[in-house]
C-alpha atoms as a PDB file:
ATOM      1  CA  MET A   1    -107.416 -94.081  24.347  1.00  0.00           C
ATOM      2  CA  PRO A   2    -105.300 -91.322  22.613  1.00  0.00           C
ATOM      3  CA  VAL A   3    -101.563 -91.129  23.595  1.00  0.00           C
ATOM      4  CA  LEU A   4     -99.630 -88.125  24.594  1.00  0.00           C
ATOM      5  CA  SER A   5     -96.662 -87.020  22.088  1.00  0.00           C
ATOM      6  CA  PRO A   6     -94.126 -83.929  22.087  1.00  0.00           C
ATOM      7  CA  LEU A   7     -95.853 -81.218  20.293  1.00  0.00           C
ATOM      8  CA  TYR A   8     -92.699 -79.016  20.995  1.00  0.00           C
ATOM      9  CA  THR A   9     -89.656 -80.262  22.566  1.00  0.00           C
ATOM     10  CA  ASN A  10     -86.602 -77.651  24.027  1.00  0.00           C
ATOM     11  CA  ARG A  11     -83.443 -79.621  24.631  1.00  0.00           C
ATOM     12  CA  ALA A  12     -81.555 -76.169  24.645  1.00  0.00           C
ATOM     13  CA  ALA A  13     -79.856 -76.906  28.084  1.00  0.00           C
ATOM     14  CA  GLN A  14     -77.144 -79.292  26.279  1.00  0.00           C
ATOM     15  CA  ALA A  15     -76.073 -76.035  24.052  1.00  0.00           C
ATOM     16  CA  PHE A  16     -76.147 -74.259  26.775  1.00  0.00           C
ATOM     17  CA  ARG A  17     -74.164 -76.582  28.900  1.00  0.00           C
ATOM     18  CA  GLU A  18     -71.140 -76.605  25.895  1.00  0.00           C
ATOM     19  CA  ALA A  19     -70.904 -72.622  25.554  1.00  0.00           C
ATOM     20  CA  ILE A  20     -70.479 -72.248  29.615  1.00  0.00           C
ATOM     21  CA  ARG A  21     -68.029 -74.968  30.000  1.00  0.00           C
ATOM     22  CA  PRO A  22     -64.775 -73.069  28.720  1.00  0.00           C
ATOM     23  CA  SER A  23     -65.208 -70.644  31.336  1.00  0.00           C
ATOM     24  CA  LEU A  24     -65.631 -73.206  34.982  1.00  0.00           C
ATOM     25  CA  LEU A  25     -62.362 -74.233  34.230  1.00  0.00           C
ATOM     26  CA  GLY A  26     -62.776 -78.045  35.025  1.00  0.00           C
ATOM     27  CA  GLN A  27     -65.485 -77.280  37.532  1.00  0.00           C
ATOM     28  CA  LEU A  28     -68.778 -78.175  35.553  1.00  0.00           C
ATOM     29  CA  GLN A  29     -69.067 -80.720  37.832  1.00  0.00           C
ATOM     30  CA  VAL A  30     -69.000 -78.767  41.126  1.00  0.00           C
ATOM     31  CA  ALA A  31     -71.621 -75.749  39.486  1.00  0.00           C
ATOM     32  CA  GLU A  32     -73.637 -77.995  37.040  1.00  0.00           C
ATOM     33  CA  GLN A  33     -76.096 -79.566  39.467  1.00  0.00           C
ATOM     34  CA  PRO A  34     -77.052 -75.751  41.030  1.00  0.00           C
ATOM     35  CA  ILE A  35     -77.570 -74.207  37.672  1.00  0.00           C
ATOM     36  CA  ALA A  36     -79.539 -77.354  36.144  1.00  0.00           C
ATOM     37  CA  VAL A  37     -81.876 -77.049  39.020  1.00  0.00           C
ATOM     38  CA  ARG A  38     -82.490 -73.359  38.253  1.00  0.00           C
ATOM     39  CA  ALA A  39     -82.749 -73.559  35.264  1.00  0.00           C
ATOM     40  CA  ALA A  40     -84.986 -76.322  34.989  1.00  0.00           C
ATOM     41  CA  SER A  41     -87.275 -73.840  37.020  1.00  0.00           C
ATOM     42  CA  GLU A  42     -86.941 -70.925  34.957  1.00  0.00           C
ATOM     43  CA  LEU A  43     -87.512 -73.752  32.355  1.00  0.00           C
ATOM     44  CA  GLY A  44     -90.715 -75.036  33.503  1.00  0.00           C
ATOM     45  CA  ALA A  45     -92.137 -71.487  33.936  1.00  0.00           C
ATOM     46  CA  TRP A  46     -91.325 -70.259  30.129  1.00  0.00           C
ATOM     47  CA  LEU A  47     -92.853 -73.480  28.737  1.00  0.00           C
ATOM     48  CA  VAL A  48     -96.009 -71.683  30.797  1.00  0.00           C
ATOM     49  CA  ASP A  49     -95.007 -68.416  29.597  1.00  0.00           C
ATOM     50  CA  VAL A  50     -94.949 -69.958  25.765  1.00  0.00           C
ATOM     51  CA  VAL A  51     -98.444 -71.457  25.751  1.00  0.00           C
ATOM     52  CA  ASP A  52     -99.958 -68.275  27.366  1.00  0.00           C
ATOM     53  CA  ALA A  53     -98.275 -66.045  24.494  1.00  0.00           C
ATOM     54  CA  THR A  54     -99.444 -68.670  22.218  1.00  0.00           C
ATOM     55  CA  ILE A  55    -103.096 -68.848  22.740  1.00  0.00           C
ATOM     56  CA  ARG A  56    -102.989 -64.619  23.026  1.00  0.00           C
ATOM     57  CA  THR A  57    -101.759 -64.483  19.360  1.00  0.00           C
ATOM     58  CA  THR A  58    -102.777 -67.980  17.577  1.00  0.00           C
ATOM     59  CA  ARG A  59    -105.817 -67.637  15.113  1.00  0.00           C
ATOM     60  CA  LEU A  60    -107.305 -71.088  16.265  1.00  0.00           C
ATOM     61  CA  LYS A  61    -110.227 -70.273  17.876  1.00  0.00           C
ATOM     62  CA  ASP A  62    -110.022 -71.592  21.527  1.00  0.00           C
ATOM     63  CA  GLU A  63    -113.727 -70.208  23.118  1.00  0.00           C
ATOM     64  CA  LYS A  64    -114.197 -73.355  25.885  1.00  0.00           C
ATOM     65  CA  GLY A  65    -110.195 -72.907  26.703  1.00  0.00           C
ATOM     66  CA  GLU A  66    -109.793 -76.835  25.719  1.00  0.00           C
ATOM     67  CA  VAL A  67    -106.564 -76.160  23.403  1.00  0.00           C
ATOM     68  CA  TYR A  68    -105.511 -74.090  26.416  1.00  0.00           C
ATOM     69  CA  LYS A  69    -105.783 -76.596  29.284  1.00  0.00           C
ATOM     70  CA  GLN A  70    -104.521 -79.239  27.180  1.00  0.00           C
ATOM     71  CA  LEU A  71    -101.656 -77.370  26.524  1.00  0.00           C
ATOM     72  CA  MET A  72    -101.004 -76.599  29.750  1.00  0.00           C
ATOM     73  CA  SER A  73    -101.670 -80.105  31.326  1.00  0.00           C
ATOM     74  CA  GLY A  74     -98.787 -81.235  28.233  1.00  0.00           C
ATOM     75  CA  ILE A  75     -95.961 -79.556  30.156  1.00  0.00           C
ATOM     76  CA  ARG A  76     -93.137 -81.324  31.438  1.00  0.00           C
ATOM     77  CA  VAL A  77     -89.362 -80.777  32.593  1.00  0.00           C
ATOM     78  CA  THR A  78     -87.104 -83.840  32.699  1.00  0.00           C
ATOM     79  CA  GLY A  79     -83.713 -83.951  33.746  1.00  0.00           C
ATOM     80  CA  ARG A  80     -83.476 -81.450  36.383  1.00  0.00           C
ATOM     81  CA  SER A  81     -80.086 -82.126  37.877  1.00  0.00           C
ATOM     82  CA  SER A  82     -78.112 -82.225  34.796  1.00  0.00           C
ATOM     83  CA  LEU A  83     -77.787 -79.611  31.792  1.00  0.00           C
ATOM     84  CA  LYS A  84     -76.875 -82.560  29.586  1.00  0.00           C
ATOM     85  CA  ASP A  85     -80.013 -84.162  30.196  1.00  0.00           C
ATOM     86  CA  LEU A  86     -82.434 -80.911  30.706  1.00  0.00           C
ATOM     87  CA  THR A  87     -85.264 -81.238  28.798  1.00  0.00           C
ATOM     88  CA  GLY A  88     -88.609 -79.613  28.572  1.00  0.00           C
ATOM     89  CA  ARG A  89     -91.726 -80.652  26.194  1.00  0.00           C
ATOM     90  CA  ILE A  90     -95.327 -79.782  25.287  1.00  0.00           C
ATOM     91  CA  SER A  91     -97.207 -82.873  25.297  1.00  0.00           C
ATOM     92  CA  VAL A  92    -100.740 -83.190  23.019  1.00  0.00           C
ATOM     93  CA  TYR A  93    -103.229 -85.014  22.108  1.00  0.00           C
ATOM     94  CA  PRO A  94    -103.453 -86.296  18.678  1.00  0.00           C
ATOM     95  CA  TRP A  95    -106.455 -83.712  17.770  1.00  0.00           C
ATOM     96  CA  ILE A  96    -104.273 -80.601  18.563  1.00  0.00           C
ATOM     97  CA  ARG A  97    -101.233 -81.656  16.134  1.00  0.00           C
ATOM     98  CA  PRO A  98    -103.294 -80.720  12.738  1.00  0.00           C
ATOM     99  CA  HIS A  99    -103.741 -77.282  14.246  1.00  0.00           C
ATOM    100  CA  GLU A 100    -100.024 -76.498  14.426  1.00  0.00           C
ATOM    101  CA  PHE A 101     -98.855 -78.627  11.567  1.00  0.00           C
ATOM    102  CA  GLY A 102    -101.831 -78.411   9.353  1.00  0.00           C
ATOM    103  CA  ALA A 103    -103.327 -81.781   8.208  1.00  0.00           C
ATOM    104  CA  HIS A 104    -105.201 -83.247   5.006  1.00  0.00           C
ATOM    105  CA  ILE A 105    -107.849 -85.751   6.040  1.00  0.00           C
ATOM    106  CA  VAL A 106    -109.808 -88.321   4.422  1.00  0.00           C
ATOM    107  CA  PRO A 107    -111.790 -90.997   5.146  1.00  0.00           C
ATOM    108  CA  ARG A 108    -110.355 -94.546   5.865  1.00  0.00           C
ATOM    109  CA  ASN A 109    -113.125 -96.959   6.060  1.00  0.00           C
ATOM    110  CA  ALA A 110    -115.893 -94.731   4.818  1.00  0.00           C
ATOM    111  CA  ASN A 111    -117.070 -93.236   1.617  1.00  0.00           C
ATOM    112  CA  TRP A 112    -117.496 -89.797   3.147  1.00  0.00           C
ATOM    113  CA  LEU A 113    -116.127 -87.827   6.544  1.00  0.00           C
ATOM    114  CA  THR A 114    -118.920 -86.358   8.949  1.00  0.00           C
ATOM    115  CA  ILE A 115    -118.830 -83.371  10.145  1.00  0.00           C
ATOM    116  CA  PRO A 116    -121.638 -82.288  13.133  1.00  0.00           C
ATOM    117  CA  PHE A 117    -123.871 -79.675  11.831  1.00  0.00           C
ATOM    118  CA  ALA A 118    -127.156 -77.637  12.901  1.00  0.00           C
ATOM    119  CA  TYR A 119    -129.032 -80.439  14.982  1.00  0.00           C
ATOM    120  CA  GLY A 120    -126.069 -82.608  15.131  1.00  0.00           C
ATOM    121  CA  VAL A 121    -124.894 -80.202  17.642  1.00  0.00           C
ATOM    122  CA  HIS A 122    -125.624 -78.683  21.177  1.00  0.00           C
ATOM    123  CA  PRO A 123    -125.154 -74.943  21.233  1.00  0.00           C
ATOM    124  CA  ASP A 124    -121.555 -74.751  22.188  1.00  0.00           C
ATOM    125  CA  GLY A 125    -120.596 -76.856  19.595  1.00  0.00           C
ATOM    126  CA  ARG A 126    -120.117 -79.821  20.768  1.00  0.00           C
ATOM    127  CA  ALA A 127    -121.588 -82.900  18.763  1.00  0.00           C
ATOM    128  CA  LYS A 128    -124.594 -84.855  20.804  1.00  0.00           C
ATOM    129  CA  PHE A 129    -123.359 -87.917  19.604  1.00  0.00           C
ATOM    130  CA  ARG A 130    -119.799 -89.606  19.435  1.00  0.00           C
ATOM    131  CA  ASN A 131    -120.682 -91.104  15.835  1.00  0.00           C
ATOM    132  CA  ALA A 132    -123.210 -89.981  12.609  1.00  0.00           C
ATOM    133  CA  ILE A 133    -124.153 -94.158  13.389  1.00  0.00           C
ATOM    134  CA  SER A 134    -125.737 -93.376  16.719  1.00  0.00           C
ATOM    135  CA  TRP A 135    -128.634 -91.374  14.693  1.00  0.00           C
ATOM    136  CA  LYS A 136    -129.836 -94.342  12.715  1.00  0.00           C
ATOM    137  CA  ARG A 137    -132.186 -95.231  16.111  1.00  0.00           C
ATOM    138  CA  PHE A 138    -134.176 -92.013  14.845  1.00  0.00           C
ATOM    139  CA  GLY A 139    -134.285 -92.991  11.257  1.00  0.00           C
ATOM    140  CA  SER A 140    -131.664 -91.084  10.127  1.00  0.00           C
ATOM    141  CA  PHE A 141    -130.294 -91.012   6.436  1.00  0.00           C
ATOM    142  CA  VAL A 142    -128.514 -89.193   3.401  1.00  0.00           C
ATOM    143  CA  TYR A 143    -130.101 -86.666   1.892  1.00  0.00           C
ATOM    144  CA  THR A 144    -128.688 -84.659  -1.286  1.00  0.00           C
ATOM    145  CA  ASP A 145    -129.742 -81.345  -1.855  1.00  0.00           C
ATOM    146  CA  LYS A 146    -130.785 -81.052  -5.770  1.00  0.00           C
ATOM    147  CA  LYS A 147    -129.860 -77.226  -5.976  1.00  0.00           C
ATOM    148  CA  THR A 148    -126.252 -77.462  -4.709  1.00  0.00           C
ATOM    149  CA  ASP A 149    -125.707 -81.715  -5.047  1.00  0.00           C
ATOM    150  CA  LYS A 150    -124.022 -81.794  -1.180  1.00  0.00           C
ATOM    151  CA  LYS A 151    -124.784 -84.491   0.816  1.00  0.00           C
ATOM    152  CA  TYR A 152    -125.953 -84.368   4.205  1.00  0.00           C
ATOM    153  CA  ILE A 153    -127.136 -86.687   6.947  1.00  0.00           C
ATOM    154  CA  ALA A 154    -130.655 -85.502   7.756  1.00  0.00           C
ATOM    155  CA  TYR A 155    -133.737 -87.092   9.825  1.00  0.00           C
ATOM    156  CA  ARG A 156    -137.457 -86.185   9.765  1.00  0.00           C
ATOM    157  CA  GLY A 157    -138.865 -84.129  13.110  1.00  0.00           C
ATOM    158  CA  ALA A 158    -142.279 -85.236  14.367  1.00  0.00           C
ATOM    159  CA  SER A 159    -143.758 -82.744  12.269  1.00  0.00           C
ATOM    160  CA  GLY A 160    -142.061 -84.192   8.838  1.00  0.00           C
ATOM    161  CA  ASP A 161    -139.777 -81.012   8.352  1.00  0.00           C
ATOM    162  CA  LEU A 162    -135.919 -82.122   7.499  1.00  0.00           C
ATOM    163  CA  ARG A 163    -133.030 -81.710   9.898  1.00  0.00           C
ATOM    164  CA  ILE A 164    -129.824 -81.513   9.049  1.00  0.00           C
ATOM    165  CA  LEU A 165    -127.422 -83.336  11.486  1.00  0.00           C
ATOM    166  CA  TYR A 166    -124.025 -83.619   9.671  1.00  0.00           C
ATOM    167  CA  ILE A 167    -122.382 -82.354   5.973  1.00  0.00           C
ATOM    168  CA  LEU A 168    -120.773 -85.346   4.141  1.00  0.00           C
ATOM    169  CA  VAL A 169    -117.110 -84.338   2.700  1.00  0.00           C
ATOM    170  CA  ASP A 170    -114.676 -86.051   0.558  1.00  0.00           C
ATOM    171  CA  ASP A 171    -111.613 -84.362   2.419  1.00  0.00           C
ATOM    172  CA  VAL A 172    -111.063 -81.641   4.846  1.00  0.00           C
ATOM    173  CA  THR A 173    -107.863 -79.466   4.893  1.00  0.00           C
ATOM    174  CA  ILE A 174    -106.989 -77.585   8.255  1.00  0.00           C
ATOM    175  CA  ARG A 175    -104.662 -74.989   7.885  1.00  0.00           C
ATOM    176  CA  PRO A 176    -101.555 -74.718  10.601  1.00  0.00           C
ATOM    177  CA  ARG A 177    -103.319 -72.017  12.877  1.00  0.00           C
ATOM    178  CA  LEU A 178    -101.850 -72.694  16.350  1.00  0.00           C
ATOM    179  CA  GLY A 179     -98.436 -71.376  15.991  1.00  0.00           C
ATOM    180  CA  LEU A 180     -96.949 -72.734  19.342  1.00  0.00           C
ATOM    181  CA  ILE A 181     -93.197 -73.857  17.998  1.00  0.00           C
ATOM    182  CA  ARG A 182     -93.115 -70.449  16.075  1.00  0.00           C
ATOM    183  CA  ARG A 183     -93.644 -68.741  19.586  1.00  0.00           C
ATOM    184  CA  ALA A 184     -91.398 -70.773  21.686  1.00  0.00           C
ATOM    185  CA  GLU A 185     -88.650 -70.265  19.047  1.00  0.00           C
ATOM    186  CA  SER A 186     -89.245 -66.085  19.306  1.00  0.00           C
ATOM    187  CA  MET A 187     -89.404 -66.664  23.100  1.00  0.00           C
ATOM    188  CA  LEU A 188     -86.043 -68.677  23.116  1.00  0.00           C
ATOM    189  CA  PRO A 189     -83.733 -65.720  23.893  1.00  0.00           C
ATOM    190  CA  ARG A 190     -85.587 -64.631  26.637  1.00  0.00           C
ATOM    191  CA  LEU A 191     -84.986 -68.125  28.273  1.00  0.00           C
ATOM    192  CA  MET A 192     -81.201 -68.019  27.008  1.00  0.00           C
ATOM    193  CA  SER A 193     -80.846 -64.697  28.914  1.00  0.00           C
ATOM    194  CA  VAL A 194     -82.404 -65.556  32.385  1.00  0.00           C
ATOM    195  CA  TRP A 195     -80.338 -68.776  32.302  1.00  0.00           C
ATOM    196  CA  GLY A 196     -76.902 -66.827  31.572  1.00  0.00           C
ATOM    197  CA  ASP A 197     -77.802 -64.650  34.950  1.00  0.00           C
ATOM    198  CA  ILE A 198     -78.048 -67.872  36.762  1.00  0.00           C
ATOM    199  CA  TYR A 199     -74.716 -68.987  35.417  1.00  0.00           C
ATOM    200  CA  LEU A 200     -73.301 -65.598  36.623  1.00  0.00           C
ATOM    201  CA  GLN A 201     -74.706 -65.902  39.770  1.00  0.00           C
ATOM    202  CA  GLU A 202     -73.416 -69.538  39.720  1.00  0.00           C
ATOM    203  CA  TYR A 203     -70.467 -68.683  38.792  1.00  0.00           C
ATOM    204  CA  ALA A 204     -69.563 -65.936  41.813  1.00  0.00           C
ATOM    205  CA  LYS A 205     -70.247 -69.063  44.195  1.00  0.00           C
ATOM    206  CA  LEU A 206     -67.132 -70.554  42.994  1.00  0.00           C
ATOM    207  CA  ASP A 207     -63.734 -70.978  45.081  1.00  0.00           C
ATOM    208  CA  PRO A 208     -62.152 -67.962  43.103  1.00  0.00           C
ATOM    209  CA  ILE A 209     -58.387 -69.863  44.099  1.00  0.00           C
ATOM    210  CA  LYS A 210     -59.089 -73.197  42.574  1.00  0.00           C
ATOM    211  CA  LEU A 211     -60.261 -71.347  39.163  1.00  0.00           C
ATOM    212  CA  TRP A 212     -56.921 -69.185  39.471  1.00  0.00           C
ATOM    213  CA  ASN A 213     -55.060 -72.252  40.213  1.00  0.00           C
ATOM    214  CA  ARG A 214     -56.353 -73.811  37.021  1.00  0.00           C
ATOM    215  CA  THR A 215     -55.106 -71.061  34.975  1.00  0.00           C
ATOM    216  CA  ARG A 216     -51.963 -71.654  35.662  1.00  0.00           C
END
């Protein structure tokens, strides 16, 4: 079964913690938890916004919304009680990763890669069967177009007509089209601004006498 792995990880809270530490004058332990709890909530909302913005601007087609659902379901925020541990992630199944980073795919245990095509797919683009071997029971065979020299897996219909099921190729190059990491990086200043407001609000709740005493 495919395993989820992080596509994007946000650990900006650690740097944010170091940035605010000097101004808290030793009261970081007192202020950190309420700041972290609110920062975690905003981080989760920000990750949702990142996914929304990515899907609106990506060059990757997602007509059925499968990429969107996958990204949304992979959002996780951990370490909510400490800025030191606060981390946000968007994890995905392996089939998403090539669309973010690109990939060059070659067959491992076969001579060809099989790309479902024509009679091999449903109207919505889904393959009718899990693999090309499943068509053997219909008498499928490798067909070579004499004009183009391209190879296909095909079978004969009841009337003897040729029905193409798969295109056979040596390799496939997938270009990086999703753009989630680039979108997240461009939106990071907005998250830091929100966290800055949280810090100012929580700082205002601290005991001013204790802060004043620590500066003497």
